[in-house]
PDB file of all heavy atoms in Angstrom:
ATOM      1  N   SER A   1      19.483   9.812  -7.816  1.00  0.00           N
ATOM      2  CA  SER A   1      19.670   9.085  -6.559  1.00  0.00           C
ATOM      3  C   SER A   1      19.788   7.590  -6.841  1.00  0.00           C
ATOM      4  O   SER A   1      19.425   7.109  -7.904  1.00  0.00           O
ATOM      5  CB  SER A   1      18.502   9.348  -5.618  1.00  0.00           C
ATOM      6  OG  SER A   1      17.318   8.888  -6.213  1.00  0.00           O
ATOM      7  N   VAL A   2      20.293   6.884  -5.846  1.00  0.00           N
ATOM      8  CA  VAL A   2      20.469   5.439  -5.921  1.00  0.00           C
ATOM      9  C   VAL A   2      19.679   4.819  -4.781  1.00  0.00           C
ATOM     10  O   VAL A   2      19.633   5.370  -3.677  1.00  0.00           O
ATOM     11  CB  VAL A   2      21.966   5.075  -5.797  1.00  0.00           C
ATOM     12  CG1 VAL A   2      22.170   3.576  -5.801  1.00  0.00           C
ATOM     13  CG2 VAL A   2      22.768   5.740  -6.913  1.00  0.00           C
ATOM     14  N   ALA A   3      19.054   3.684  -5.012  1.00  0.00           N
ATOM     15  CA  ALA A   3      18.303   2.995  -3.967  1.00  0.00           C
ATOM     16  C   ALA A   3      19.248   2.563  -2.848  1.00  0.00           C
ATOM     17  O   ALA A   3      20.235   1.873  -3.090  1.00  0.00           O
ATOM     18  CB  ALA A   3      17.578   1.786  -4.540  1.00  0.00           C
ATOM     19  N   ASP A   4      18.970   3.000  -1.632  1.00  0.00           N
ATOM     20  CA  ASP A   4      19.758   2.660  -0.441  1.00  0.00           C
ATOM     21  C   ASP A   4      19.150   1.397   0.168  1.00  0.00           C
ATOM     22  O   ASP A   4      18.075   1.437   0.750  1.00  0.00           O
ATOM     23  CB  ASP A   4      19.704   3.823   0.542  1.00  0.00           C
ATOM     24  CG  ASP A   4      20.481   3.583   1.818  1.00  0.00           C
ATOM     25  OD1 ASP A   4      20.951   2.446   2.051  1.00  0.00           O
ATOM     26  OD2 ASP A   4      20.617   4.535   2.613  1.00  0.00           O
ATOM     27  N   MET A   5      19.834   0.276   0.031  1.00  0.00           N
ATOM     28  CA  MET A   5      19.294  -1.019   0.441  1.00  0.00           C
ATOM     29  C   MET A   5      19.589  -1.383   1.903  1.00  0.00           C
ATOM     30  O   MET A   5      19.260  -2.479   2.342  1.00  0.00           O
ATOM     31  CB  MET A   5      19.819  -2.122  -0.481  1.00  0.00           C
ATOM     32  CG  MET A   5      19.494  -1.904  -1.959  1.00  0.00           C
ATOM     33  SD  MET A   5      17.741  -1.708  -2.325  1.00  0.00           S
ATOM     34  CE  MET A   5      17.167  -3.374  -2.066  1.00  0.00           C
ATOM     35  N   ARG A   6      20.197  -0.455   2.659  1.00  0.00           N
ATOM     36  CA  ARG A   6      20.483  -0.747   4.071  1.00  0.00           C
ATOM     37  C   ARG A   6      19.192  -1.018   4.842  1.00  0.00           C
ATOM     38  O   ARG A   6      18.163  -0.423   4.568  1.00  0.00           O
ATOM     39  CB  ARG A   6      21.212   0.421   4.738  1.00  0.00           C
ATOM     40  CG  ARG A   6      22.612   0.654   4.235  1.00  0.00           C
ATOM     41  CD  ARG A   6      23.261   1.845   4.909  1.00  0.00           C
ATOM     42  NE  ARG A   6      22.494   3.048   4.591  1.00  0.00           N
ATOM     43  CZ  ARG A   6      22.365   4.099   5.388  1.00  0.00           C
ATOM     44  NH1 ARG A   6      22.948   4.118   6.569  1.00  0.00           N
ATOM     45  NH2 ARG A   6      21.652   5.151   5.022  1.00  0.00           N
ATOM     46  N   ARG A   7      19.287  -1.907   5.835  1.00  0.00           N
ATOM     47  CA  ARG A   7      18.128  -2.236   6.680  1.00  0.00           C
ATOM     48  C   ARG A   7      18.194  -1.543   8.042  1.00  0.00           C
ATOM     49  O   ARG A   7      17.322  -1.745   8.878  1.00  0.00           O
ATOM     50  CB  ARG A   7      18.048  -3.751   6.898  1.00  0.00           C
ATOM     51  CG  ARG A   7      17.803  -4.546   5.631  1.00  0.00           C
ATOM     52  CD  ARG A   7      16.333  -4.581   5.263  1.00  0.00           C
ATOM     53  NE  ARG A   7      16.092  -5.280   4.027  1.00  0.00           N
ATOM     54  CZ  ARG A   7      15.695  -6.532   3.930  1.00  0.00           C
ATOM     55  NH1 ARG A   7      15.490  -7.234   5.008  1.00  0.00           N
ATOM     56  NH2 ARG A   7      15.497  -7.066   2.756  1.00  0.00           N
ATOM     57  N   ASN A   8      19.244  -0.753   8.272  1.00  0.00           N
ATOM     58  CA  ASN A   8      19.392   0.004   9.514  1.00  0.00           C
ATOM     59  C   ASN A   8      19.739   1.444   9.144  1.00  0.00           C
ATOM     60  O   ASN A   8      20.725   1.680   8.454  1.00  0.00           O
ATOM     61  CB  ASN A   8      20.523  -0.568  10.382  1.00  0.00           C
ATOM     62  CG  ASN A   8      20.263  -1.996  10.768  1.00  0.00           C
ATOM     63  OD1 ASN A   8      19.350  -2.269  11.534  1.00  0.00           O
ATOM     64  ND2 ASN A   8      21.046  -2.909  10.228  1.00  0.00           N
ATOM     65  N   LYS A   9      18.908   2.387   9.608  1.00  0.00           N
ATOM     66  CA  LYS A   9      19.122   3.800   9.295  1.00  0.00           C
ATOM     67  C   LYS A   9      18.757   4.650  10.509  1.00  0.00           C
ATOM     68  O   LYS A   9      18.007   4.207  11.380  1.00  0.00           O
ATOM     69  CB  LYS A   9      18.253   4.241   8.119  1.00  0.00           C
ATOM     70  CG  LYS A   9      18.536   3.542   6.813  1.00  0.00           C
ATOM     71  CD  LYS A   9      17.609   4.092   5.739  1.00  0.00           C
ATOM     72  CE  LYS A   9      17.770   3.386   4.415  1.00  0.00           C
ATOM     73  NZ  LYS A   9      16.841   3.940   3.402  1.00  0.00           N
ATOM     74  N   THR A  10      19.247   5.876  10.499  1.00  0.00           N
ATOM     75  CA  THR A  10      18.900   6.819  11.560  1.00  0.00           C
ATOM     76  C   THR A  10      18.133   7.981  10.946  1.00  0.00           C
ATOM     77  O   THR A  10      18.564   8.566   9.950  1.00  0.00           O
ATOM     78  CB  THR A  10      20.160   7.317  12.284  1.00  0.00           C
ATOM     79  OG1 THR A  10      20.837   6.187  12.842  1.00  0.00           O
ATOM     80  CG2 THR A  10      19.805   8.286  13.400  1.00  0.00           C
ATOM     81  N   PHE A  11      16.999   8.299  11.554  1.00  0.00           N
ATOM     82  CA  PHE A  11      16.146   9.396  11.146  1.00  0.00           C
ATOM     83  C   PHE A  11      16.016  10.332  12.339  1.00  0.00           C
ATOM     84  O   PHE A  11      15.418   9.961  13.349  1.00  0.00           O
ATOM     85  CB  PHE A  11      14.768   8.885  10.715  1.00  0.00           C
ATOM     86  CG  PHE A  11      14.852   7.856   9.615  1.00  0.00           C
ATOM     87  CD1 PHE A  11      14.928   6.507   9.911  1.00  0.00           C
ATOM     88  CD2 PHE A  11      14.884   8.247   8.288  1.00  0.00           C
ATOM     89  CE1 PHE A  11      15.016   5.557   8.908  1.00  0.00           C
ATOM     90  CE2 PHE A  11      14.974   7.310   7.278  1.00  0.00           C
ATOM     91  CZ  PHE A  11      15.044   5.958   7.580  1.00  0.00           C
ATOM     92  N   SER A  12      16.634  11.501  12.241  1.00  0.00           N
ATOM     93  CA  SER A  12      16.677  12.460  13.344  1.00  0.00           C
ATOM     94  C   SER A  12      17.329  11.773  14.545  1.00  0.00           C
ATOM     95  O   SER A  12      18.472  11.355  14.447  1.00  0.00           O
ATOM     96  CB  SER A  12      15.271  12.984  13.647  1.00  0.00           C
ATOM     97  OG  SER A  12      15.299  13.997  14.606  1.00  0.00           O
ATOM     98  N   ASP A  13      16.608  11.602  15.633  1.00  0.00           N
ATOM     99  CA  ASP A  13      17.195  10.954  16.815  1.00  0.00           C
ATOM    100  C   ASP A  13      16.669   9.535  17.024  1.00  0.00           C
ATOM    101  O   ASP A  13      16.712   8.994  18.122  1.00  0.00           O
ATOM    102  CB  ASP A  13      16.961  11.808  18.063  1.00  0.00           C
ATOM    103  CG  ASP A  13      15.488  12.022  18.375  1.00  0.00           C
ATOM    104  OD1 ASP A  13      14.629  11.697  17.525  1.00  0.00           O
ATOM    105  OD2 ASP A  13      15.189  12.509  19.476  1.00  0.00           O
ATOM    106  N   THR A  14      16.168   8.917  15.937  1.00  0.00           N
ATOM    107  CA  THR A  14      15.618   7.565  16.027  1.00  0.00           C
ATOM    108  C   THR A  14      16.366   6.632  15.086  1.00  0.00           C
ATOM    109  O   THR A  14      16.421   6.873  13.877  1.00  0.00           O
ATOM    110  CB  THR A  14      14.118   7.564  15.667  1.00  0.00           C
ATOM    111  OG1 THR A  14      13.432   8.527  16.477  1.00  0.00           O
ATOM    112  CG2 THR A  14      13.501   6.200  15.885  1.00  0.00           C
ATOM    113  N   GLN A  15      16.935   5.581  15.643  1.00  0.00           N
ATOM    114  CA  GLN A  15      17.568   4.541  14.834  1.00  0.00           C
ATOM    115  C   GLN A  15      16.490   3.506  14.527  1.00  0.00           C
ATOM    116  O   GLN A  15      15.789   3.033  15.421  1.00  0.00           O
ATOM    117  CB  GLN A  15      18.710   3.878  15.581  1.00  0.00           C
ATOM    118  CG  GLN A  15      19.392   2.796  14.784  1.00  0.00           C
ATOM    119  CD  GLN A  15      20.488   2.085  15.559  1.00  0.00           C
ATOM    120  OE1 GLN A  15      20.846   2.473  16.657  1.00  0.00           O
ATOM    121  NE2 GLN A  15      21.005   1.027  14.976  1.00  0.00           N
ATOM    122  N   VAL A  16      16.353   3.165  13.243  1.00  0.00           N
ATOM    123  CA  VAL A  16      15.290   2.250  12.824  1.00  0.00           C
ATOM    124  C   VAL A  16      15.914   1.073  12.080  1.00  0.00           C
ATOM    125  O   VAL A  16      16.724   1.255  11.175  1.00  0.00           O
ATOM    126  CB  VAL A  16      14.264   2.953  11.909  1.00  0.00           C
ATOM    127  CG1 VAL A  16      13.138   1.997  11.537  1.00  0.00           C
ATOM    128  CG2 VAL A  16      13.712   4.207  12.582  1.00  0.00           C
ATOM    129  N   SER A  17      15.519  -0.127  12.486  1.00  0.00           N
ATOM    130  CA  SER A  17      15.928  -1.349  11.794  1.00  0.00           C
ATOM    131  C   SER A  17      14.685  -1.985  11.198  1.00  0.00           C
ATOM    132  O   SER A  17      13.649  -2.096  11.856  1.00  0.00           O
ATOM    133  CB  SER A  17      16.595  -2.336  12.756  1.00  0.00           C
ATOM    134  OG  SER A  17      17.780  -1.786  13.272  1.00  0.00           O
ATOM    135  N   LEU A  18      14.794  -2.397   9.943  1.00  0.00           N
ATOM    136  CA  LEU A  18      13.699  -3.064   9.252  1.00  0.00           C
ATOM    137  C   LEU A  18      13.919  -4.565   9.333  1.00  0.00           C
ATOM    138  O   LEU A  18      14.975  -5.069   8.942  1.00  0.00           O
ATOM    139  CB  LEU A  18      13.656  -2.613   7.788  1.00  0.00           C
ATOM    140  CG  LEU A  18      12.577  -3.243   6.918  1.00  0.00           C
ATOM    141  CD1 LEU A  18      11.177  -2.836   7.382  1.00  0.00           C
ATOM    142  CD2 LEU A  18      12.788  -2.842   5.459  1.00  0.00           C
ATOM    143  N   LEU A  19      12.917  -5.282   9.860  1.00  0.00           N
ATOM    144  CA  LEU A  19      13.023  -6.725  10.070  1.00  0.00           C
ATOM    145  C   LEU A  19      11.831  -7.429   9.424  1.00  0.00           C
ATOM    146  O   LEU A  19      10.740  -6.858   9.320  1.00  0.00           O
ATOM    147  CB  LEU A  19      13.034  -7.036  11.569  1.00  0.00           C
ATOM    148  CG  LEU A  19      14.039  -6.260  12.421  1.00  0.00           C
ATOM    149  CD1 LEU A  19      13.712  -6.405  13.896  1.00  0.00           C
ATOM    150  CD2 LEU A  19      15.440  -6.728  12.120  1.00  0.00           C
ATOM    151  N   PHE A  20      12.047  -8.675   9.018  1.00  0.00           N
ATOM    152  CA  PHE A  20      10.977  -9.500   8.461  1.00  0.00           C
ATOM    153  C   PHE A  20      10.951 -10.833   9.196  1.00  0.00           C
ATOM    154  O   PHE A  20      11.983 -11.290   9.690  1.00  0.00           O
ATOM    155  CB  PHE A  20      11.195  -9.744   6.959  1.00  0.00           C
ATOM    156  CG  PHE A  20      11.142  -8.486   6.149  1.00  0.00           C
ATOM    157  CD1 PHE A  20      12.306  -7.790   5.841  1.00  0.00           C
ATOM    158  CD2 PHE A  20       9.929  -7.982   5.704  1.00  0.00           C
ATOM    159  CE1 PHE A  20      12.263  -6.622   5.097  1.00  0.00           C
ATOM    160  CE2 PHE A  20       9.885  -6.814   4.966  1.00  0.00           C
ATOM    161  CZ  PHE A  20      11.046  -6.131   4.665  1.00  0.00           C
ATOM    162  N   ASN A  21       9.793 -11.498   9.243  1.00  0.00           N
ATOM    163  CA  ASN A  21       9.708 -12.781   9.937  1.00  0.00           C
ATOM    164  C   ASN A  21      10.122 -13.951   9.050  1.00  0.00           C
ATOM    165  O   ASN A  21      10.066 -15.098   9.472  1.00  0.00           O
ATOM    166  CB  ASN A  21       8.292 -13.007  10.492  1.00  0.00           C
ATOM    167  CG  ASN A  21       7.245 -13.171   9.406  1.00  0.00           C
ATOM    168  OD1 ASN A  21       7.369 -12.641   8.307  1.00  0.00           O
ATOM    169  ND2 ASN A  21       6.186 -13.902   9.719  1.00  0.00           N
ATOM    170  N   LYS A  22      10.550 -13.663   7.815  1.00  0.00           N
ATOM    171  CA  LYS A  22      11.044 -14.697   6.902  1.00  0.00           C
ATOM    172  C   LYS A  22      12.356 -14.225   6.303  1.00  0.00           C
ATOM    173  O   LYS A  22      12.565 -13.024   6.128  1.00  0.00           O
ATOM    174  CB  LYS A  22      10.032 -14.952   5.777  1.00  0.00           C
ATOM    175  CG  LYS A  22       8.693 -15.466   6.273  1.00  0.00           C
ATOM    176  CD  LYS A  22       7.718 -15.632   5.120  1.00  0.00           C
ATOM    177  CE  LYS A  22       6.364 -16.115   5.635  1.00  0.00           C
ATOM    178  NZ  LYS A  22       5.391 -16.245   4.559  1.00  0.00           N
ATOM    179  N   SER A  23      13.215 -15.165   5.962  1.00  0.00           N
ATOM    180  CA  SER A  23      14.516 -14.785   5.400  1.00  0.00           C
ATOM    181  C   SER A  23      14.403 -14.279   3.971  1.00  0.00           C
ATOM    182  O   SER A  23      15.228 -13.495   3.523  1.00  0.00           O
ATOM    183  CB  SER A  23      15.501 -15.954   5.478  1.00  0.00           C
ATOM    184  OG  SER A  23      14.988 -17.058   4.756  1.00  0.00           O
ATOM    185  N   GLU A  24      13.393 -14.709   3.229  1.00  0.00           N
ATOM    186  CA  GLU A  24      13.161 -14.240   1.869  1.00  0.00           C
ATOM    187  C   GLU A  24      11.765 -13.657   1.771  1.00  0.00           C
ATOM    188  O   GLU A  24      10.810 -14.198   2.331  1.00  0.00           O
ATOM    189  CB  GLU A  24      13.293 -15.389   0.865  1.00  0.00           C
ATOM    190  CG  GLU A  24      14.697 -15.920   0.715  1.00  0.00           C
ATOM    191  CD  GLU A  24      14.780 -17.010  -0.352  1.00  0.00           C
ATOM    192  OE1 GLU A  24      13.725 -17.534  -0.773  1.00  0.00           O
ATOM    193  OE2 GLU A  24      15.902 -17.317  -0.761  1.00  0.00           O
ATOM    194  N   ILE A  25      11.657 -12.558   1.038  1.00  0.00           N
ATOM    195  CA  ILE A  25      10.361 -11.938   0.807  1.00  0.00           C
ATOM    196  C   ILE A  25       9.879 -12.431  -0.546  1.00  0.00           C
ATOM    197  O   ILE A  25      10.529 -12.201  -1.565  1.00  0.00           O
ATOM    198  CB  ILE A  25      10.475 -10.401   0.809  1.00  0.00           C
ATOM    199  CG1 ILE A  25      11.163  -9.914   2.091  1.00  0.00           C
ATOM    200  CG2 ILE A  25       9.100  -9.771   0.657  1.00  0.00           C
ATOM    201  CD1 ILE A  25      11.569  -8.460   2.041  1.00  0.00           C
ATOM    202  N   LYS A  26       8.747 -13.137  -0.541  1.00  0.00           N
ATOM    203  CA  LYS A  26       8.228 -13.712  -1.783  1.00  0.00           C
ATOM    204  C   LYS A  26       6.864 -13.121  -2.118  1.00  0.00           C
ATOM    205  O   LYS A  26       6.018 -12.952  -1.236  1.00  0.00           O
ATOM    206  CB  LYS A  26       8.116 -15.230  -1.654  1.00  0.00           C
ATOM    207  CG  LYS A  26       9.471 -15.910  -1.530  1.00  0.00           C
ATOM    208  CD  LYS A  26       9.334 -17.405  -1.532  1.00  0.00           C
ATOM    209  CE  LYS A  26      10.711 -18.061  -1.443  1.00  0.00           C
ATOM    210  NZ  LYS A  26      10.619 -19.514  -1.443  1.00  0.00           N
ATOM    211  N   ALA A  27       6.685 -12.833  -3.393  1.00  0.00           N
ATOM    212  CA  ALA A  27       5.419 -12.293  -3.867  1.00  0.00           C
ATOM    213  C   ALA A  27       4.286 -13.268  -3.571  1.00  0.00           C
ATOM    214  O   ALA A  27       4.454 -14.481  -3.668  1.00  0.00           O
ATOM    215  CB  ALA A  27       5.507 -12.026  -5.368  1.00  0.00           C
ATOM    216  N   GLY A  28       3.151 -12.717  -3.167  1.00  0.00           N
ATOM    217  CA  GLY A  28       1.962 -13.525  -2.931  1.00  0.00           C
ATOM    218  C   GLY A  28       1.903 -14.194  -1.578  1.00  0.00           C
ATOM    219  O   GLY A  28       0.905 -14.839  -1.265  1.00  0.00           O
ATOM    220  N   GLU A  29       2.949 -14.058  -0.754  1.00  0.00           N
ATOM    221  CA  GLU A  29       2.963 -14.684   0.572  1.00  0.00           C
ATOM    222  C   GLU A  29       2.839 -13.631   1.664  1.00  0.00           C
ATOM    223  O   GLU A  29       3.504 -12.589   1.608  1.00  0.00           O
ATOM    224  CB  GLU A  29       4.266 -15.464   0.791  1.00  0.00           C
ATOM    225  CG  GLU A  29       4.403 -16.679  -0.087  1.00  0.00           C
ATOM    226  CD  GLU A  29       5.665 -17.479   0.221  1.00  0.00           C
ATOM    227  OE1 GLU A  29       6.404 -17.143   1.172  1.00  0.00           O
ATOM    228  OE2 GLU A  29       5.909 -18.457  -0.517  1.00  0.00           O
ATOM    229  N   GLU A  30       2.003 -13.910   2.657  1.00  0.00           N
ATOM    230  CA  GLU A  30       1.865 -13.001   3.789  1.00  0.00           C
ATOM    231  C   GLU A  30       3.189 -12.917   4.537  1.00  0.00           C
ATOM    232  O   GLU A  30       3.869 -13.929   4.728  1.00  0.00           O
ATOM    233  CB  GLU A  30       0.757 -13.500   4.719  1.00  0.00           C
ATOM    234  CG  GLU A  30       0.428 -12.529   5.826  1.00  0.00           C
ATOM    235  CD  GLU A  30      -0.769 -12.972   6.634  1.00  0.00           C
ATOM    236  OE1 GLU A  30      -1.901 -12.613   6.264  1.00  0.00           O
ATOM    237  OE2 GLU A  30      -0.554 -13.687   7.632  1.00  0.00           O
ATOM    238  N   ILE A  31       3.543 -11.698   4.950  1.00  0.00           N
ATOM    239  CA  ILE A  31       4.799 -11.491   5.666  1.00  0.00           C
ATOM    240  C   ILE A  31       4.603 -10.426   6.742  1.00  0.00           C
ATOM    241  O   ILE A  31       3.794  -9.508   6.573  1.00  0.00           O
ATOM    242  CB  ILE A  31       5.937 -11.095   4.688  1.00  0.00           C
ATOM    243  CG1 ILE A  31       7.284 -11.144   5.399  1.00  0.00           C
ATOM    244  CG2 ILE A  31       5.676  -9.738   4.063  1.00  0.00           C
ATOM    245  CD1 ILE A  31       8.467 -11.216   4.463  1.00  0.00           C
ATOM    246  N   GLU A  32       5.312 -10.604   7.840  1.00  0.00           N
ATOM    247  CA  GLU A  32       5.301  -9.589   8.893  1.00  0.00           C
ATOM    248  C   GLU A  32       6.484  -8.656   8.663  1.00  0.00           C
ATOM    249  O   GLU A  32       7.620  -9.093   8.505  1.00  0.00           O
ATOM    250  CB  GLU A  32       5.419 -10.223  10.278  1.00  0.00           C
ATOM    251  CG  GLU A  32       5.419  -9.191  11.390  1.00  0.00           C
ATOM    252  CD  GLU A  32       5.595  -9.794  12.776  1.00  0.00           C
ATOM    253  OE1 GLU A  32       5.785 -11.024  12.888  1.00  0.00           O
ATOM    254  OE2 GLU A  32       5.559  -9.026  13.748  1.00  0.00           O
ATOM    255  N   VAL A  33       6.182  -7.363   8.629  1.00  0.00           N
ATOM    256  CA  VAL A  33       7.183  -6.311   8.484  1.00  0.00           C
ATOM    257  C   VAL A  33       7.284  -5.630   9.841  1.00  0.00           C
ATOM    258  O   VAL A  33       6.276  -5.171  10.374  1.00  0.00           O
ATOM    259  CB  VAL A  33       6.748  -5.280   7.414  1.00  0.00           C
ATOM    260  CG1 VAL A  33       7.796  -4.187   7.268  1.00  0.00           C
ATOM    261  CG2 VAL A  33       6.461  -5.960   6.085  1.00  0.00           C
ATOM    262  N   GLN A  34       8.479  -5.579  10.411  1.00  0.00           N
ATOM    263  CA  GLN A  34       8.632  -4.987  11.741  1.00  0.00           C
ATOM    264  C   GLN A  34       9.692  -3.887  11.719  1.00  0.00           C
ATOM    265  O   GLN A  34      10.755  -4.044  11.116  1.00  0.00           O
ATOM    266  CB  GLN A  34       9.030  -6.048  12.765  1.00  0.00           C
ATOM    267  CG  GLN A  34       9.042  -5.503  14.187  1.00  0.00           C
ATOM    268  CD  GLN A  34       9.353  -6.589  15.190  1.00  0.00           C
ATOM    269  OE1 GLN A  34      10.506  -6.965  15.350  1.00  0.00           O
ATOM    270  NE2 GLN A  34       8.318  -7.098  15.843  1.00  0.00           N
ATOM    271  N   PHE A  35       9.364  -2.786  12.365  1.00  0.00           N
ATOM    272  CA  PHE A  35      10.288  -1.678  12.541  1.00  0.00           C
ATOM    273  C   PHE A  35      10.727  -1.675  14.005  1.00  0.00           C
ATOM    274  O   PHE A  35       9.892  -1.600  14.899  1.00  0.00           O
ATOM    275  CB  PHE A  35       9.620  -0.350  12.199  1.00  0.00           C
ATOM    276  CG  PHE A  35       9.292  -0.203  10.741  1.00  0.00           C
ATOM    277  CD1 PHE A  35       8.119  -0.738  10.219  1.00  0.00           C
ATOM    278  CD2 PHE A  35      10.151   0.466   9.887  1.00  0.00           C
ATOM    279  CE1 PHE A  35       7.812  -0.603   8.875  1.00  0.00           C
ATOM    280  CE2 PHE A  35       9.860   0.606   8.540  1.00  0.00           C
ATOM    281  CZ  PHE A  35       8.682   0.067   8.031  1.00  0.00           C
ATOM    282  N   ASP A  36      12.031  -1.811  14.222  1.00  0.00           N
ATOM    283  CA  ASP A  36      12.619  -1.753  15.565  1.00  0.00           C
ATOM    284  C   ASP A  36      13.115  -0.325  15.745  1.00  0.00           C
ATOM    285  O   ASP A  36      14.038   0.112  15.051  1.00  0.00           O
ATOM    286  CB  ASP A  36      13.760  -2.759  15.674  1.00  0.00           C
ATOM    287  CG  ASP A  36      14.397  -2.796  17.056  1.00  0.00           C
ATOM    288  OD1 ASP A  36      13.958  -2.056  17.952  1.00  0.00           O
ATOM    289  OD2 ASP A  36      15.353  -3.566  17.228  1.00  0.00           O
ATOM    290  N   LEU A  37      12.494   0.417  16.671  1.00  0.00           N
ATOM    291  CA  LEU A  37      12.794   1.833  16.874  1.00  0.00           C
ATOM    292  C   LEU A  37      13.598   2.011  18.165  1.00  0.00           C
ATOM    293  O   LEU A  37      13.142   1.598  19.238  1.00  0.00           O
ATOM    294  CB  LEU A  37      11.495   2.625  16.949  1.00  0.00           C
ATOM    295  CG  LEU A  37      10.626   2.477  15.706  1.00  0.00           C
ATOM    296  CD1 LEU A  37       9.167   2.346  16.056  1.00  0.00           C
ATOM    297  CD2 LEU A  37      10.847   3.644  14.793  1.00  0.00           C
ATOM    298  N   ARG A  38      14.767   2.636  18.029  1.00  0.00           N
ATOM    299  CA  ARG A  38      15.640   2.857  19.181  1.00  0.00           C
ATOM    300  C   ARG A  38      16.110   4.305  19.208  1.00  0.00           C
ATOM    301  O   ARG A  38      16.180   4.965  18.185  1.00  0.00           O
ATOM    302  CB  ARG A  38      16.840   1.925  19.124  1.00  0.00           C
ATOM    303  CG  ARG A  38      16.414   0.464  19.214  1.00  0.00           C
ATOM    304  CD  ARG A  38      17.583  -0.490  19.241  1.00  0.00           C
ATOM    305  NE  ARG A  38      17.083  -1.848  19.413  1.00  0.00           N
ATOM    306  CZ  ARG A  38      16.916  -2.440  20.598  1.00  0.00           C
ATOM    307  NH1 ARG A  38      17.232  -1.807  21.695  1.00  0.00           N
ATOM    308  NH2 ARG A  38      16.440  -3.666  20.670  1.00  0.00           N
TER     309      ARG A  38
END
């Protein structure tokens, strides 16, 4: 398999978008991870 880097996917009947409160994810820094479920 290959890592699927998309941030928007559909699981069954739920579309999920992965969002972050920062444009870059940096090690050692607190970050908010948000799942938008539609």
